[in-house]
Amino acid sequence: MNRNHQVRLCSICQNRSFDKQNGVICGLTNELPTFELQCQDFNKDQEEFERISIYKTKKYGLEINNKGFLKELLEDKPEKIRLTNFVPILKPRKVSELPSVFHVTKSKMKYLLLLVIPIVFLGLSIDELLTSEPSNLIIGFSIIWNAYLIWIVIDYFRNNNQFEISEHGVRTSKELIPWEVIFATVIKESQYENRLILILPTGTDIDINLNGLIGPKQRIENYIELYRKKRMETE
């Protein structure tokens, strides 16, 4: 059982209660929750959900207008922060086109292309390196490109940013974040990277690096919006 996942769900449930020793507990049983992914007795407290999420949205340059909708604040920042959008010209365009689960995986081709540049350079400079007195410039570039190669390999295995999207929520390498506890999905765009942020009412927000993943981020946004819509239709 994932206690963080349980607390997120219980904190916005009308059946919640609090115990000095255990923190948030189930008000129906007066015990710690025992569910794994979904609770059969979950009853969302929409007012509490929105109340505790207001301060988090401001942190990302967003605010709730008088109709209860999030809007972007126009601020001069080095990165652009915006809500995820549905783009009609990209597939999928409707709920019926969704697979049961959409896997967002790493693009091996992108990493291979990044490897090609230093490998080509090292191949072209191998004759110079094998001479008795290679130039300092060639030696310096060789060291830089070798370090670059090592960094690419390490980044590929270390940056475990693959995730799944379904009508149940967003599943990272560590846990499933159900739609019920996701207040907003935000794209943070900067010159060097793009990130998907799941704003949660409690605990730490989920920050996913989109660099090196297959497909444009706009297509990922379509899946997010359509799966969320599908979930709302089944409630």
C-alpha atoms as a PDB file:
ATOM      1  CA  MET A   1       0.000   0.000   0.000  1.00  0.00           C
ATOM      2  CA  ASN A   2       1.177   3.520  -0.847  1.00  0.00           C
ATOM      3  CA  ARG A   3       0.463   5.805   2.106  1.00  0.00           C
ATOM      4  CA  ASN A   4       1.083   8.974   0.062  1.00  0.00           C
ATOM      5  CA  HIS A   5      -1.516   7.856  -2.489  1.00  0.00           C
ATOM      6  CA  GLN A   6      -4.019   7.084   0.277  1.00  0.00           C
ATOM      7  CA  VAL A   7      -3.492  10.455   1.983  1.00  0.00           C
ATOM      8  CA  ARG A   8      -4.017  12.314  -1.305  1.00  0.00           C
ATOM      9  CA  LEU A   9      -7.369  10.612  -1.819  1.00  0.00           C
ATOM     10  CA  CYS A  10      -8.527  10.672   1.795  1.00  0.00           C
ATOM     11  CA  SER A  11      -7.612  14.358   2.265  1.00  0.00           C
ATOM     12  CA  ILE A  12     -10.282  15.378  -0.262  1.00  0.00           C
ATOM     13  CA  CYS A  13     -12.902  12.807   0.775  1.00  0.00           C
ATOM     14  CA  GLN A  14     -15.988  13.847   2.743  1.00  0.00           C
ATOM     15  CA  ASN A  15     -15.531  10.731   4.876  1.00  0.00           C
ATOM     16  CA  ARG A  16     -12.114  11.798   6.122  1.00  0.00           C
ATOM     17  CA  SER A  17     -11.173  12.134   9.746  1.00  0.00           C
ATOM     18  CA  PHE A  18      -8.007  12.913  11.679  1.00  0.00           C
ATOM     19  CA  ASP A  19      -6.087  11.085  14.338  1.00  0.00           C
ATOM     20  CA  LYS A  20      -3.225  12.703  16.304  1.00  0.00           C
ATOM     21  CA  GLN A  21      -1.127   9.564  16.064  1.00  0.00           C
ATOM     22  CA  ASN A  22      -1.805   8.481  12.458  1.00  0.00           C
ATOM     23  CA  GLY A  23      -2.846  11.705  10.737  1.00  0.00           C
ATOM     24  CA  VAL A  24      -5.554  11.413   8.081  1.00  0.00           C
ATOM     25  CA  ILE A  25      -7.741   8.334   8.606  1.00  0.00           C
ATOM     26  CA  CYS A  26     -11.068   7.014   7.336  1.00  0.00           C
ATOM     27  CA  GLY A  27     -14.008   8.517   9.201  1.00  0.00           C
ATOM     28  CA  LEU A  28     -16.178   5.477   8.448  1.00  0.00           C
ATOM     29  CA  THR A  29     -13.896   2.982  10.178  1.00  0.00           C
ATOM     30  CA  ASN A  30     -11.755   5.313  12.323  1.00  0.00           C
ATOM     31  CA  GLU A  31      -8.784   3.323  11.043  1.00  0.00           C
ATOM     32  CA  LEU A  32      -5.981   3.845   8.542  1.00  0.00           C
ATOM     33  CA  PRO A  33      -7.193   3.281   4.962  1.00  0.00           C
ATOM     34  CA  THR A  34      -6.474  -0.132   3.455  1.00  0.00           C
ATOM     35  CA  PHE A  35      -7.339   0.388  -0.226  1.00  0.00           C
ATOM     36  CA  GLU A  36      -4.684  -0.042  -2.908  1.00  0.00           C
ATOM     37  CA  LEU A  37      -5.748   2.148  -5.855  1.00  0.00           C
ATOM     38  CA  GLN A  38      -9.412   3.114  -5.546  1.00  0.00           C
ATOM     39  CA  CYS A  39     -11.676   3.343  -2.497  1.00  0.00           C
ATOM     40  CA  GLN A  40     -15.241   2.143  -2.908  1.00  0.00           C
ATOM     41  CA  ASP A  41     -16.433   4.686  -0.323  1.00  0.00           C
ATOM     42  CA  PHE A  42     -14.622   7.703  -1.801  1.00  0.00           C
ATOM     43  CA  ASN A  43     -16.869  10.768  -1.860  1.00  0.00           C
ATOM     44  CA  LYS A  44     -15.038  13.784  -3.253  1.00  0.00           C
ATOM     45  CA  ASP A  45     -15.225  17.008  -1.259  1.00  0.00           C
ATOM     46  CA  GLN A  46     -15.036  19.470  -4.149  1.00  0.00           C
ATOM     47  CA  GLU A  47     -15.024  22.554  -1.924  1.00  0.00           C
ATOM     48  CA  GLU A  48     -12.074  21.293   0.121  1.00  0.00           C
ATOM     49  CA  PHE A  49     -10.322  20.103  -3.040  1.00  0.00           C
ATOM     50  CA  GLU A  50     -10.411  23.595  -4.548  1.00  0.00           C
ATOM     51  CA  ARG A  51      -9.661  25.400  -1.285  1.00  0.00           C
ATOM     52  CA  ILE A  52      -6.375  23.631  -0.572  1.00  0.00           C
ATOM     53  CA  SER A  53      -5.292  23.850  -4.220  1.00  0.00           C
ATOM     54  CA  ILE A  54      -5.502  27.646  -4.609  1.00  0.00           C
ATOM     55  CA  TYR A  55      -2.096  28.441  -3.126  1.00  0.00           C
ATOM     56  CA  LYS A  56      -0.425  25.789  -5.289  1.00  0.00           C
ATOM     57  CA  THR A  57      -1.842  27.129  -8.530  1.00  0.00           C
ATOM     58  CA  LYS A  58      -0.535  30.613  -7.708  1.00  0.00           C
ATOM     59  CA  LYS A  59       2.937  29.147  -7.399  1.00  0.00           C
ATOM     60  CA  TYR A  60       2.755  28.236 -11.093  1.00  0.00           C
ATOM     61  CA  GLY A  61       1.381  31.603 -12.176  1.00  0.00           C
ATOM     62  CA  LEU A  62      -2.224  30.409 -12.335  1.00  0.00           C
ATOM     63  CA  GLU A  63      -5.327  31.553 -10.522  1.00  0.00           C
ATOM     64  CA  ILE A  64      -8.975  30.550 -10.208  1.00  0.00           C
ATOM     65  CA  ASN A  65     -11.372  33.071 -11.723  1.00  0.00           C
ATOM     66  CA  ASN A  66     -14.822  33.901 -10.360  1.00  0.00           C
ATOM     67  CA  LYS A  67     -16.365  31.064 -12.386  1.00  0.00           C
ATOM     68  CA  GLY A  68     -14.121  28.468 -10.815  1.00  0.00           C
ATOM     69  CA  PHE A  69     -11.874  28.014 -13.849  1.00  0.00           C
ATOM     70  CA  LEU A  70      -8.113  28.230 -13.896  1.00  0.00           C
ATOM     71  CA  LYS A  71      -6.551  30.962 -15.992  1.00  0.00           C
ATOM     72  CA  GLU A  72      -2.988  31.913 -16.754  1.00  0.00           C
ATOM     73  CA  LEU A  73      -1.474  35.062 -15.317  1.00  0.00           C
ATOM     74  CA  LEU A  74       0.535  37.203 -17.738  1.00  0.00           C
ATOM     75  CA  GLU A  75       3.931  37.425 -16.074  1.00  0.00           C
ATOM     76  CA  ASP A  76       7.418  37.997 -17.426  1.00  0.00           C
ATOM     77  CA  LYS A  77       9.182  34.728 -16.631  1.00  0.00           C
ATOM     78  CA  PRO A  78      12.101  32.874 -18.244  1.00  0.00           C
ATOM     79  CA  GLU A  79       9.833  29.878 -18.779  1.00  0.00           C
ATOM     80  CA  LYS A  80       6.264  29.703 -20.050  1.00  0.00           C
ATOM     81  CA  ILE A  81       3.772  27.954 -17.792  1.00  0.00           C
ATOM     82  CA  ARG A  82       0.396  27.034 -19.228  1.00  0.00           C
ATOM     83  CA  LEU A  83      -2.432  24.581 -18.772  1.00  0.00           C
ATOM     84  CA  THR A  84      -2.511  21.522 -21.005  1.00  0.00           C
ATOM     85  CA  ASN A  85      -4.641  22.082 -24.109  1.00  0.00           C
ATOM     86  CA  PHE A  86      -6.570  19.918 -26.536  1.00  0.00           C
ATOM     87  CA  VAL A  87      -5.278  20.332 -30.113  1.00  0.00           C
ATOM     88  CA  PRO A  88      -7.994  19.217 -32.618  1.00  0.00           C
ATOM     89  CA  ILE A  89      -5.601  18.792 -35.564  1.00  0.00           C
ATOM     90  CA  LEU A  90      -3.636  16.063 -33.760  1.00  0.00           C
ATOM     91  CA  LYS A  91      -4.744  12.528 -33.035  1.00  0.00           C
ATOM     92  CA  PRO A  92      -6.429  11.318 -30.939  1.00  0.00           C
ATOM     93  CA  ARG A  93      -9.326  13.681 -31.562  1.00  0.00           C
ATOM     94  CA  LYS A  94     -12.066  11.947 -29.569  1.00  0.00           C
ATOM     95  CA  VAL A  95     -12.543   9.533 -26.678  1.00  0.00           C
ATOM     96  CA  SER A  96     -13.464   6.624 -28.948  1.00  0.00           C
ATOM     97  CA  GLU A  97      -9.954   6.713 -30.486  1.00  0.00           C
ATOM     98  CA  LEU A  98      -8.228   6.109 -27.148  1.00  0.00           C
ATOM     99  CA  PRO A  99      -6.454   2.827 -26.386  1.00  0.00           C
ATOM    100  CA  SER A 100      -6.970   1.334 -22.924  1.00  0.00           C
ATOM    101  CA  VAL A 101      -3.553   2.712 -21.925  1.00  0.00           C
ATOM    102  CA  PHE A 102      -1.210   5.137 -23.684  1.00  0.00           C
ATOM    103  CA  HIS A 103       2.470   4.491 -22.976  1.00  0.00           C
ATOM    104  CA  VAL A 104       4.771   7.524 -23.168  1.00  0.00           C
ATOM    105  CA  THR A 105       8.201   5.986 -23.728  1.00  0.00           C
ATOM    106  CA  LYS A 106      11.707   7.184 -24.453  1.00  0.00           C
ATOM    107  CA  SER A 107      12.716   7.811 -28.025  1.00  0.00           C
ATOM    108  CA  LYS A 108      15.680   5.540 -28.677  1.00  0.00           C
ATOM    109  CA  MET A 109      16.122   7.208 -32.068  1.00  0.00           C
ATOM    110  CA  LYS A 110      16.666  10.626 -30.458  1.00  0.00           C
ATOM    111  CA  TYR A 111      19.344   9.233 -28.176  1.00  0.00           C
ATOM    112  CA  LEU A 112      21.002   7.405 -31.083  1.00  0.00           C
ATOM    113  CA  LEU A 113      21.110  10.629 -33.086  1.00  0.00           C
ATOM    114  CA  LEU A 114      22.759  12.388 -30.145  1.00  0.00           C
ATOM    115  CA  LEU A 115      25.367   9.636 -30.085  1.00  0.00           C
ATOM    116  CA  VAL A 116      26.129   9.928 -33.802  1.00  0.00           C
ATOM    117  CA  ILE A 117      27.745  13.394 -33.638  1.00  0.00           C
ATOM    118  CA  PRO A 118      30.542  12.598 -31.160  1.00  0.00           C
ATOM    119  CA  ILE A 119      31.117   9.161 -32.704  1.00  0.00           C
ATOM    120  CA  VAL A 120      31.558  10.700 -36.187  1.00  0.00           C
ATOM    121  CA  PHE A 121      33.967  13.308 -34.814  1.00  0.00           C
ATOM    122  CA  LEU A 122      36.024  10.686 -32.958  1.00  0.00           C
ATOM    123  CA  GLY A 123      36.095   8.561 -36.100  1.00  0.00           C
ATOM    124  CA  LEU A 124      37.350  11.453 -38.226  1.00  0.00           C
ATOM    125  CA  SER A 125      40.001  12.424 -35.672  1.00  0.00           C
ATOM    126  CA  ILE A 126      41.254   8.907 -34.869  1.00  0.00           C
ATOM    127  CA  ASP A 127      44.235   9.228 -37.239  1.00  0.00           C
ATOM    128  CA  GLU A 128      45.294  12.459 -35.559  1.00  0.00           C
ATOM    129  CA  LEU A 129      44.931  10.895 -32.104  1.00  0.00           C
ATOM    130  CA  LEU A 130      47.137   7.949 -33.085  1.00  0.00           C
ATOM    131  CA  THR A 131      50.007  10.133 -34.192  1.00  0.00           C
ATOM    132  CA  SER A 132      52.953  10.571 -31.878  1.00  0.00           C
ATOM    133  CA  GLU A 133      52.092  14.197 -31.130  1.00  0.00           C
ATOM    134  CA  PRO A 134      48.362  14.942 -31.586  1.00  0.00           C
ATOM    135  CA  SER A 135      47.433  18.603 -31.264  1.00  0.00           C
ATOM    136  CA  ASN A 136      46.114  19.905 -27.964  1.00  0.00           C
ATOM    137  CA  LEU A 137      42.940  20.996 -29.746  1.00  0.00           C
ATOM    138  CA  ILE A 138      42.186  17.457 -30.940  1.00  0.00           C
ATOM    139  CA  ILE A 139      42.937  16.018 -27.494  1.00  0.00           C
ATOM    140  CA  GLY A 140      40.670  18.590 -25.865  1.00  0.00           C
ATOM    141  CA  PHE A 141      37.791  17.925 -28.240  1.00  0.00           C
ATOM    142  CA  SER A 142      38.228  14.159 -27.804  1.00  0.00           C
ATOM    143  CA  ILE A 143      37.938  14.480 -24.029  1.00  0.00           C
ATOM    144  CA  ILE A 144      34.812  16.644 -24.368  1.00  0.00           C
ATOM    145  CA  TRP A 145      33.126  14.287 -26.842  1.00  0.00           C
ATOM    146  CA  ASN A 146      33.926  11.215 -24.719  1.00  0.00           C
ATOM    147  CA  ALA A 147      32.450  12.936 -21.679  1.00  0.00           C
ATOM    148  CA  TYR A 148      29.403  13.812 -23.788  1.00  0.00           C
ATOM    149  CA  LEU A 149      28.992  10.179 -24.857  1.00  0.00           C
ATOM    150  CA  ILE A 150      29.156   8.994 -21.261  1.00  0.00           C
ATOM    151  CA  TRP A 151      26.616  11.645 -20.193  1.00  0.00           C
ATOM    152  CA  ILE A 152      24.119  10.551 -22.882  1.00  0.00           C
ATOM    153  CA  VAL A 153      24.310   6.910 -21.801  1.00  0.00           C
ATOM    154  CA  ILE A 154      23.961   7.802 -18.109  1.00  0.00           C
ATOM    155  CA  ASP A 155      21.054  10.172 -18.794  1.00  0.00           C
ATOM    156  CA  TYR A 156      19.201   7.514 -20.784  1.00  0.00           C
ATOM    157  CA  PHE A 157      19.240   5.038 -17.907  1.00  0.00           C
ATOM    158  CA  ARG A 158      19.049   7.525 -15.022  1.00  0.00           C
ATOM    159  CA  ASN A 159      16.212   9.725 -16.266  1.00  0.00           C
ATOM    160  CA  ASN A 160      13.322   7.330 -15.701  1.00  0.00           C
ATOM    161  CA  ASN A 161      10.668   9.705 -17.049  1.00  0.00           C
ATOM    162  CA  GLN A 162       8.494   7.215 -18.911  1.00  0.00           C
ATOM    163  CA  PHE A 163       4.838   7.160 -17.847  1.00  0.00           C
ATOM    164  CA  GLU A 164       1.372   5.902 -18.770  1.00  0.00           C
ATOM    165  CA  ILE A 165      -1.949   7.707 -19.228  1.00  0.00           C
ATOM    166  CA  SER A 166      -5.328   5.998 -18.895  1.00  0.00           C
ATOM    167  CA  GLU A 167      -8.855   6.719 -17.707  1.00  0.00           C
ATOM    168  CA  HIS A 168      -7.652   5.805 -14.205  1.00  0.00           C
ATOM    169  CA  GLY A 169      -4.994   8.526 -14.111  1.00  0.00           C
ATOM    170  CA  VAL A 170      -1.284   8.985 -14.767  1.00  0.00           C
ATOM    171  CA  ARG A 171       1.068   6.184 -13.734  1.00  0.00           C
ATOM    172  CA  THR A 172       4.716   7.082 -13.204  1.00  0.00           C
ATOM    173  CA  SER A 173       7.523   4.634 -12.498  1.00  0.00           C
ATOM    174  CA  LYS A 174       6.618   4.881  -8.801  1.00  0.00           C
ATOM    175  CA  GLU A 175       2.859   5.166  -8.482  1.00  0.00           C
ATOM    176  CA  LEU A 176      -0.563   5.783 -10.024  1.00  0.00           C
ATOM    177  CA  ILE A 177      -1.943   9.312  -9.644  1.00  0.00           C
ATOM    178  CA  PRO A 178      -5.743   9.067 -10.136  1.00  0.00           C
ATOM    179  CA  TRP A 179      -7.637  11.850 -11.893  1.00  0.00           C
ATOM    180  CA  GLU A 180      -9.649  12.435  -8.716  1.00  0.00           C
ATOM    181  CA  VAL A 181      -6.626  13.995  -6.998  1.00  0.00           C
ATOM    182  CA  ILE A 182      -5.154  15.875  -9.976  1.00  0.00           C
ATOM    183  CA  PHE A 183      -6.274  19.488  -9.666  1.00  0.00           C
ATOM    184  CA  ALA A 184      -4.596  20.649 -12.873  1.00  0.00           C
ATOM    185  CA  THR A 185      -2.076  19.515 -15.482  1.00  0.00           C
ATOM    186  CA  VAL A 186       0.490  22.128 -16.467  1.00  0.00           C
ATOM    187  CA  ILE A 187       3.162  22.351 -19.153  1.00  0.00           C
ATOM    188  CA  LYS A 188       6.312  24.267 -18.222  1.00  0.00           C
ATOM    189  CA  GLU A 189       8.259  25.289 -21.313  1.00  0.00           C
ATOM    190  CA  SER A 190      11.757  26.738 -21.282  1.00  0.00           C
ATOM    191  CA  GLN A 191      14.563  27.104 -23.793  1.00  0.00           C
ATOM    192  CA  TYR A 192      16.127  23.774 -22.886  1.00  0.00           C
ATOM    193  CA  GLU A 193      13.357  21.511 -21.632  1.00  0.00           C
ATOM    194  CA  ASN A 194       9.631  20.854 -21.352  1.00  0.00           C
ATOM    195  CA  ARG A 195       8.020  19.456 -18.225  1.00  0.00           C
ATOM    196  CA  LEU A 196       4.587  18.087 -17.356  1.00  0.00           C
ATOM    197  CA  ILE A 197       3.442  18.982 -13.839  1.00  0.00           C
ATOM    198  CA  LEU A 198       0.508  17.317 -12.086  1.00  0.00           C
ATOM    199  CA  ILE A 199      -0.754  19.764  -9.451  1.00  0.00           C
ATOM    200  CA  LEU A 200      -2.043  17.831  -6.447  1.00  0.00           C
ATOM    201  CA  PRO A 201      -4.082  19.223  -3.539  1.00  0.00           C
ATOM    202  CA  THR A 202      -1.741  17.726  -0.938  1.00  0.00           C
ATOM    203  CA  GLY A 203       1.876  16.605  -0.836  1.00  0.00           C
ATOM    204  CA  THR A 204       4.507  17.179  -3.499  1.00  0.00           C
ATOM    205  CA  ASP A 205       3.366  17.846  -7.073  1.00  0.00           C
ATOM    206  CA  ILE A 206       4.471  15.356  -9.738  1.00  0.00           C
ATOM    207  CA  ASP A 207       7.076  16.813 -12.115  1.00  0.00           C
ATOM    208  CA  ILE A 208       7.830  14.806 -15.297  1.00  0.00           C
ATOM    209  CA  ASN A 209      10.605  15.752 -17.713  1.00  0.00           C
ATOM    210  CA  LEU A 210       9.249  15.389 -21.274  1.00  0.00           C
ATOM    211  CA  ASN A 211      12.648  15.616 -22.956  1.00  0.00           C
ATOM    212  CA  GLY A 212      13.690  12.514 -24.875  1.00  0.00           C
ATOM    213  CA  LEU A 213      10.162  11.049 -25.025  1.00  0.00           C
ATOM    214  CA  ILE A 214       8.410   9.872 -28.176  1.00  0.00           C
ATOM    215  CA  GLY A 215       5.897  12.211 -29.784  1.00  0.00           C
ATOM    216  CA  PRO A 216       5.207  15.952 -29.571  1.00  0.00           C
ATOM    217  CA  LYS A 217       4.036  17.254 -26.201  1.00  0.00           C
ATOM    218  CA  GLN A 218       0.825  18.520 -27.853  1.00  0.00           C
ATOM    219  CA  ARG A 219      -0.135  14.915 -28.675  1.00  0.00           C
ATOM    220  CA  ILE A 220       0.518  13.922 -25.062  1.00  0.00           C
ATOM    221  CA  GLU A 221      -1.731  16.800 -24.020  1.00  0.00           C
ATOM    222  CA  ASN A 222      -4.545  15.413 -26.195  1.00  0.00           C
ATOM    223  CA  TYR A 223      -4.309  12.068 -24.406  1.00  0.00           C
ATOM    224  CA  ILE A 224      -4.379  13.791 -21.017  1.00  0.00           C
ATOM    225  CA  GLU A 225      -7.458  15.849 -21.837  1.00  0.00           C
ATOM    226  CA  LEU A 226      -9.371  12.980 -23.475  1.00  0.00           C
ATOM    227  CA  TYR A 227      -8.622  10.409 -20.766  1.00  0.00           C
ATOM    228  CA  ARG A 228      -9.695  12.926 -18.124  1.00  0.00           C
ATOM    229  CA  LYS A 229     -12.910  13.529 -20.073  1.00  0.00           C
ATOM    230  CA  LYS A 230     -13.497   9.775 -20.334  1.00  0.00           C
ATOM    231  CA  ARG A 231     -13.080   9.418 -16.583  1.00  0.00           C
ATOM    232  CA  MET A 232     -15.589  12.185 -15.921  1.00  0.00           C
ATOM    233  CA  GLU A 233     -18.104  10.527 -18.244  1.00  0.00           C
ATOM    234  CA  THR A 234     -17.881   7.234 -16.331  1.00  0.00           C
ATOM    235  CA  GLU A 235     -18.403   8.803 -12.903  1.00  0.00           C
END
